[in-house]
Amino acid sequence: LTVRGTGAYGSGTASGGYLGSDGQLTVTNLTISSGGVSGTNVLNVVSNFVWTGGYMTGSGTTRLLAGCVGSVSGTAAKWLQNGRRWENGGVVTWSNGEIVADGNGTERFVNQAGGVFEITVQDQRFRDDCYENLVIENEGLIRRSAGTGRVILAAVNCGDNVRVFHNRGTVEVQTGTLAVVAYNAAAQHSGNFVVAPGAVLEFGGNNAQTVSGAMSVEGT
């Protein structure tokens, strides 16, 4: 299904096929289990977002509005492809499965001011597939609140190009290890980092990471 022009709808489900939006589209609920969403414009999600597999692709934006509650779960990989931009202004919990950038262009995840990206996965990566550009920008709150393993944001799977994480909001590591990467681009962190006792924050990659915000480190 491809929507051209502007539309507002109740619920959208991508399971095997795709939901396209070349005009601006607003849905109350969005579920992606296989197949995916595509298009060149903005796809707004108002209330509920569920991503258990499949893809978001194309040069458009998937935008979770303030008040939206989202979950990224299930063992299948979730694909952000071909220059897609994913914005979170609500509360999203990532509990299982890798998130993978793939295809042409720069894939970008922006956790907006007021947005919460809750990380409860055990050992997973938000990574490139191979030779992709991936940028993760935090303007709200990213919090590692469960799990004892190592989670990597902007992880490098293989090849060159840019993978980089910028923090302009707050990153909290309450448990486990959270690694943020600057690979082939410098990272600028004007936001705050808070690390609880027993937790670990790692700075990785091959480029500089400049922290000009506050750091409160009781862990490592």
Protein backbone atom coordinates (compact mmCIF):
# COMPACT_ATOMS: atom_id res chain seq x y z
CA LEU A 1 0.00 0.00 0.00
CA THR A 2 1.40 3.42 -0.99
CA VAL A 3 -0.28 6.61 0.23
CA ARG A 4 0.25 9.71 -1.91
CA GLY A 5 -0.81 13.03 -0.47
CA THR A 6 -1.63 13.65 3.19
CA GLY A 7 -3.62 11.18 5.23
CA ALA A 8 -4.56 10.19 8.79
CA TYR A 9 -5.44 6.60 9.64
CA GLY A 10 -6.12 4.42 12.67
CA SER A 11 -3.59 1.58 12.53
CA GLY A 12 -0.96 0.36 10.11
CA THR A 13 0.53 -3.12 10.02
CA ALA A 14 3.43 -4.26 7.83
CA SER A 15 3.59 -8.05 7.77
CA GLY A 16 5.07 -9.39 4.55
CA GLY A 17 4.19 -6.37 2.38
CA TYR A 18 4.99 -2.70 2.86
CA LEU A 19 3.28 0.52 3.86
CA GLY A 20 4.53 3.42 1.74
CA SER A 21 4.13 7.14 2.41
CA ASP A 22 5.21 9.52 -0.33
CA GLY A 23 2.85 12.07 1.21
CA GLN A 24 2.81 12.90 4.91
CA LEU A 25 0.97 10.14 6.74
CA THR A 26 -0.21 9.91 10.35
CA VAL A 27 -1.25 6.63 11.96
CA THR A 28 -2.44 6.00 15.50
CA ASN A 29 -0.63 2.65 15.81
CA LEU A 30 2.13 1.06 13.73
CA THR A 31 3.27 -2.58 13.86
CA ILE A 32 6.18 -3.88 11.77
CA SER A 33 6.75 -7.62 11.99
CA SER A 34 8.04 -8.40 8.49
CA GLY A 35 7.93 -6.42 5.29
CA GLY A 36 8.15 -2.79 6.31
CA VAL A 37 7.45 0.88 5.78
CA SER A 38 8.92 3.00 3.02
CA GLY A 39 8.64 6.36 1.31
CA THR A 40 10.11 9.82 0.96
CA ASN A 41 7.92 11.82 3.35
CA VAL A 42 7.06 11.74 7.07
CA LEU A 43 5.22 8.87 8.72
CA ASN A 44 3.93 10.03 12.12
CA VAL A 45 2.98 7.50 14.80
CA VAL A 46 0.70 8.82 17.55
CA SER A 47 0.07 6.14 20.19
CA ASN A 48 1.77 2.74 19.79
CA PHE A 49 4.78 1.48 17.84
CA VAL A 50 5.77 -2.21 17.74
CA TRP A 51 8.82 -3.39 15.79
CA THR A 52 9.62 -7.11 15.91
CA GLY A 53 11.23 -7.55 12.47
CA GLY A 54 11.27 -6.17 8.94
CA TYR A 55 12.46 -2.76 7.80
CA MET A 56 12.00 0.98 7.62
CA THR A 57 13.41 2.15 4.31
CA GLY A 58 13.61 5.09 1.92
CA SER A 59 14.66 8.71 2.35
CA GLY A 60 11.65 9.63 4.51
CA THR A 61 11.22 9.81 8.28
CA THR A 62 9.41 7.59 10.76
CA ARG A 63 8.51 9.90 13.64
CA LEU A 64 7.15 8.69 16.97
CA LEU A 65 5.30 11.64 18.46
CA ALA A 66 5.35 12.73 22.10
CA GLY A 67 3.12 10.35 24.04
CA CYS A 68 3.81 7.41 21.74
CA VAL A 69 4.84 4.17 23.46
CA GLY A 70 7.08 1.86 21.46
CA SER A 71 8.75 -1.52 21.75
CA VAL A 72 11.59 -3.03 19.76
CA SER A 73 11.54 -6.74 20.57
CA GLY A 74 11.84 -10.26 19.16
CA THR A 75 15.01 -12.04 18.08
CA ALA A 76 14.86 -10.98 14.40
CA ALA A 77 17.02 -8.10 13.17
CA LYS A 78 15.31 -4.77 12.55
CA TRP A 79 16.53 -2.97 9.42
CA LEU A 80 16.93 0.79 8.96
CA GLN A 81 17.63 1.18 5.24
CA ASN A 82 18.48 3.51 2.36
CA GLY A 83 18.76 6.85 4.11
CA ARG A 84 15.85 6.33 6.53
CA ARG A 85 15.53 8.66 9.49
CA TRP A 86 13.87 7.38 12.67
CA GLU A 87 12.85 9.94 15.30
CA ASN A 88 11.59 9.17 18.80
CA GLY A 89 9.70 11.77 20.79
CA GLY A 90 7.91 9.21 22.95
CA VAL A 91 9.09 6.29 25.07
CA VAL A 92 10.64 3.30 23.29
CA THR A 93 11.97 0.17 24.98
CA TRP A 94 14.53 -1.91 23.11
CA SER A 95 14.40 -5.38 24.66
CA ASN A 96 15.67 -7.80 21.98
CA GLY A 97 17.15 -8.13 18.49
CA GLU A 98 19.82 -6.07 16.74
CA ILE A 99 18.98 -2.85 14.90
CA VAL A 100 20.91 -2.76 11.62
CA ALA A 101 21.65 0.10 9.20
CA ASP A 102 21.77 -1.03 5.58
CA GLY A 103 21.78 0.34 2.03
CA ASN A 104 22.55 3.70 0.45
CA GLY A 105 22.71 7.08 2.12
CA THR A 106 23.01 7.73 5.85
CA GLU A 107 20.70 5.94 8.24
CA ARG A 108 19.92 8.10 11.26
CA PHE A 109 18.22 7.61 14.64
CA VAL A 110 17.36 10.75 16.59
CA ASN A 111 16.10 10.45 20.15
CA GLN A 112 14.45 13.84 20.40
CA ALA A 113 14.25 16.21 23.36
CA GLY A 114 11.63 14.71 25.67
CA GLY A 115 12.09 11.27 24.11
CA VAL A 116 13.17 8.23 26.14
CA PHE A 117 15.03 5.30 24.60
CA GLU A 118 15.08 2.56 27.23
CA ILE A 119 17.64 -0.21 26.70
CA THR A 120 16.95 -3.55 28.37
CA VAL A 121 18.62 -5.90 25.88
CA GLN A 122 21.35 -8.22 27.13
CA ASP A 123 24.11 -8.30 24.47
CA GLN A 124 23.08 -6.50 21.29
CA ARG A 125 24.26 -3.84 18.85
CA PHE A 126 22.71 -0.92 17.00
CA ARG A 127 25.09 -1.33 14.07
CA ASP A 128 25.82 -1.12 10.36
CA ASP A 129 25.44 -4.13 8.09
CA CYS A 130 28.73 -3.48 6.28
CA TYR A 131 30.11 -0.23 4.76
CA GLU A 132 27.02 1.78 5.76
CA ASN A 133 26.78 5.26 7.30
CA LEU A 134 25.00 5.27 10.66
CA VAL A 135 24.46 8.32 12.87
CA ILE A 136 22.76 8.15 16.28
CA GLU A 137 21.88 11.45 17.96
CA ASN A 138 20.53 11.76 21.49
CA GLU A 139 18.74 14.95 22.51
CA GLY A 140 16.54 13.32 25.17
CA LEU A 141 17.26 10.41 27.52
CA ILE A 142 18.94 7.14 26.60
CA ARG A 143 18.96 4.80 29.58
CA ARG A 144 20.47 1.33 30.00
CA SER A 145 18.22 0.10 32.77
CA ALA A 146 18.43 -3.71 32.59
CA GLY A 147 20.77 -6.45 31.41
CA THR A 148 24.30 -7.38 32.41
CA GLY A 149 25.87 -7.71 28.96
CA ARG A 150 27.44 -5.22 26.55
CA VAL A 151 25.31 -3.02 24.31
CA ILE A 152 26.97 -0.95 21.56
CA LEU A 153 25.46 2.14 19.92
CA ALA A 154 26.74 2.94 16.39
CA ALA A 155 28.66 -0.33 16.30
CA VAL A 156 30.98 -1.18 13.41
CA ASN A 157 30.27 -4.54 11.81
CA CYS A 158 32.70 -4.27 8.87
CA GLY A 159 34.07 -1.86 6.29
CA ASP A 160 34.63 1.89 6.24
CA ASN A 161 32.21 4.87 6.19
CA VAL A 162 30.87 6.67 9.25
CA ARG A 163 29.33 5.24 12.42
CA VAL A 164 29.00 7.81 15.15
CA PHE A 165 27.00 8.55 18.31
CA HIS A 166 26.42 12.14 19.56
CA ASN A 167 24.97 12.93 22.98
CA ARG A 168 23.27 16.29 23.44
CA GLY A 169 20.86 15.06 26.10
CA THR A 170 21.42 12.57 28.91
CA VAL A 171 22.83 9.04 28.80
CA GLU A 172 22.32 6.92 31.91
CA VAL A 173 24.04 3.57 32.44
CA GLN A 174 22.34 1.93 35.40
CA THR A 175 23.54 -1.62 34.76
CA GLY A 176 25.75 -3.63 32.43
CA THR A 177 28.01 -2.03 29.83
CA LEU A 178 27.04 0.63 27.30
CA ALA A 179 29.54 1.47 24.55
CA VAL A 180 29.24 4.51 22.26
CA VAL A 181 31.27 4.68 19.06
CA ALA A 182 32.94 7.33 16.91
CA TYR A 183 34.27 5.68 13.76
CA ASN A 184 35.60 7.78 10.86
CA ALA A 185 33.93 10.87 12.37
CA ALA A 186 34.43 12.77 15.60
CA ALA A 187 31.70 12.65 18.25
CA GLN A 188 30.53 15.74 20.12
CA HIS A 189 28.94 15.19 23.52
CA SER A 190 27.50 18.41 24.93
CA GLY A 191 25.05 16.39 27.01
CA ASN A 192 25.46 14.52 30.28
CA PHE A 193 26.62 11.00 31.13
CA VAL A 194 25.55 9.31 34.36
CA VAL A 195 27.08 5.95 35.30
CA ALA A 196 25.77 4.03 38.32
CA PRO A 197 27.92 1.90 40.65
CA GLY A 198 28.83 -1.38 38.98
CA ALA A 199 27.89 -0.15 35.51
CA VAL A 200 30.35 0.56 32.68
CA LEU A 201 30.44 3.28 30.01
CA GLU A 202 32.85 2.74 27.11
CA PHE A 203 33.99 5.15 24.39
CA GLY A 204 35.03 3.21 21.28
CA GLY A 205 35.97 3.63 17.65
CA ASN A 206 38.89 5.25 15.83
CA ASN A 207 38.06 8.95 16.25
CA ALA A 208 37.90 11.60 18.94
CA GLN A 209 34.98 11.88 21.33
CA THR A 210 34.76 15.30 22.98
CA VAL A 211 32.75 15.51 26.20
CA SER A 212 31.79 19.09 27.09
CA GLY A 213 28.78 18.15 29.23
CA ALA A 214 28.80 16.84 32.77
CA MET A 215 29.93 13.35 33.73
CA SER A 216 28.76 11.66 36.91
CA VAL A 217 30.60 8.36 37.18
CA GLU A 218 30.20 6.03 40.12
CA GLY A 219 30.82 2.98 37.95
CA THR A 220 33.62 2.51 35.41
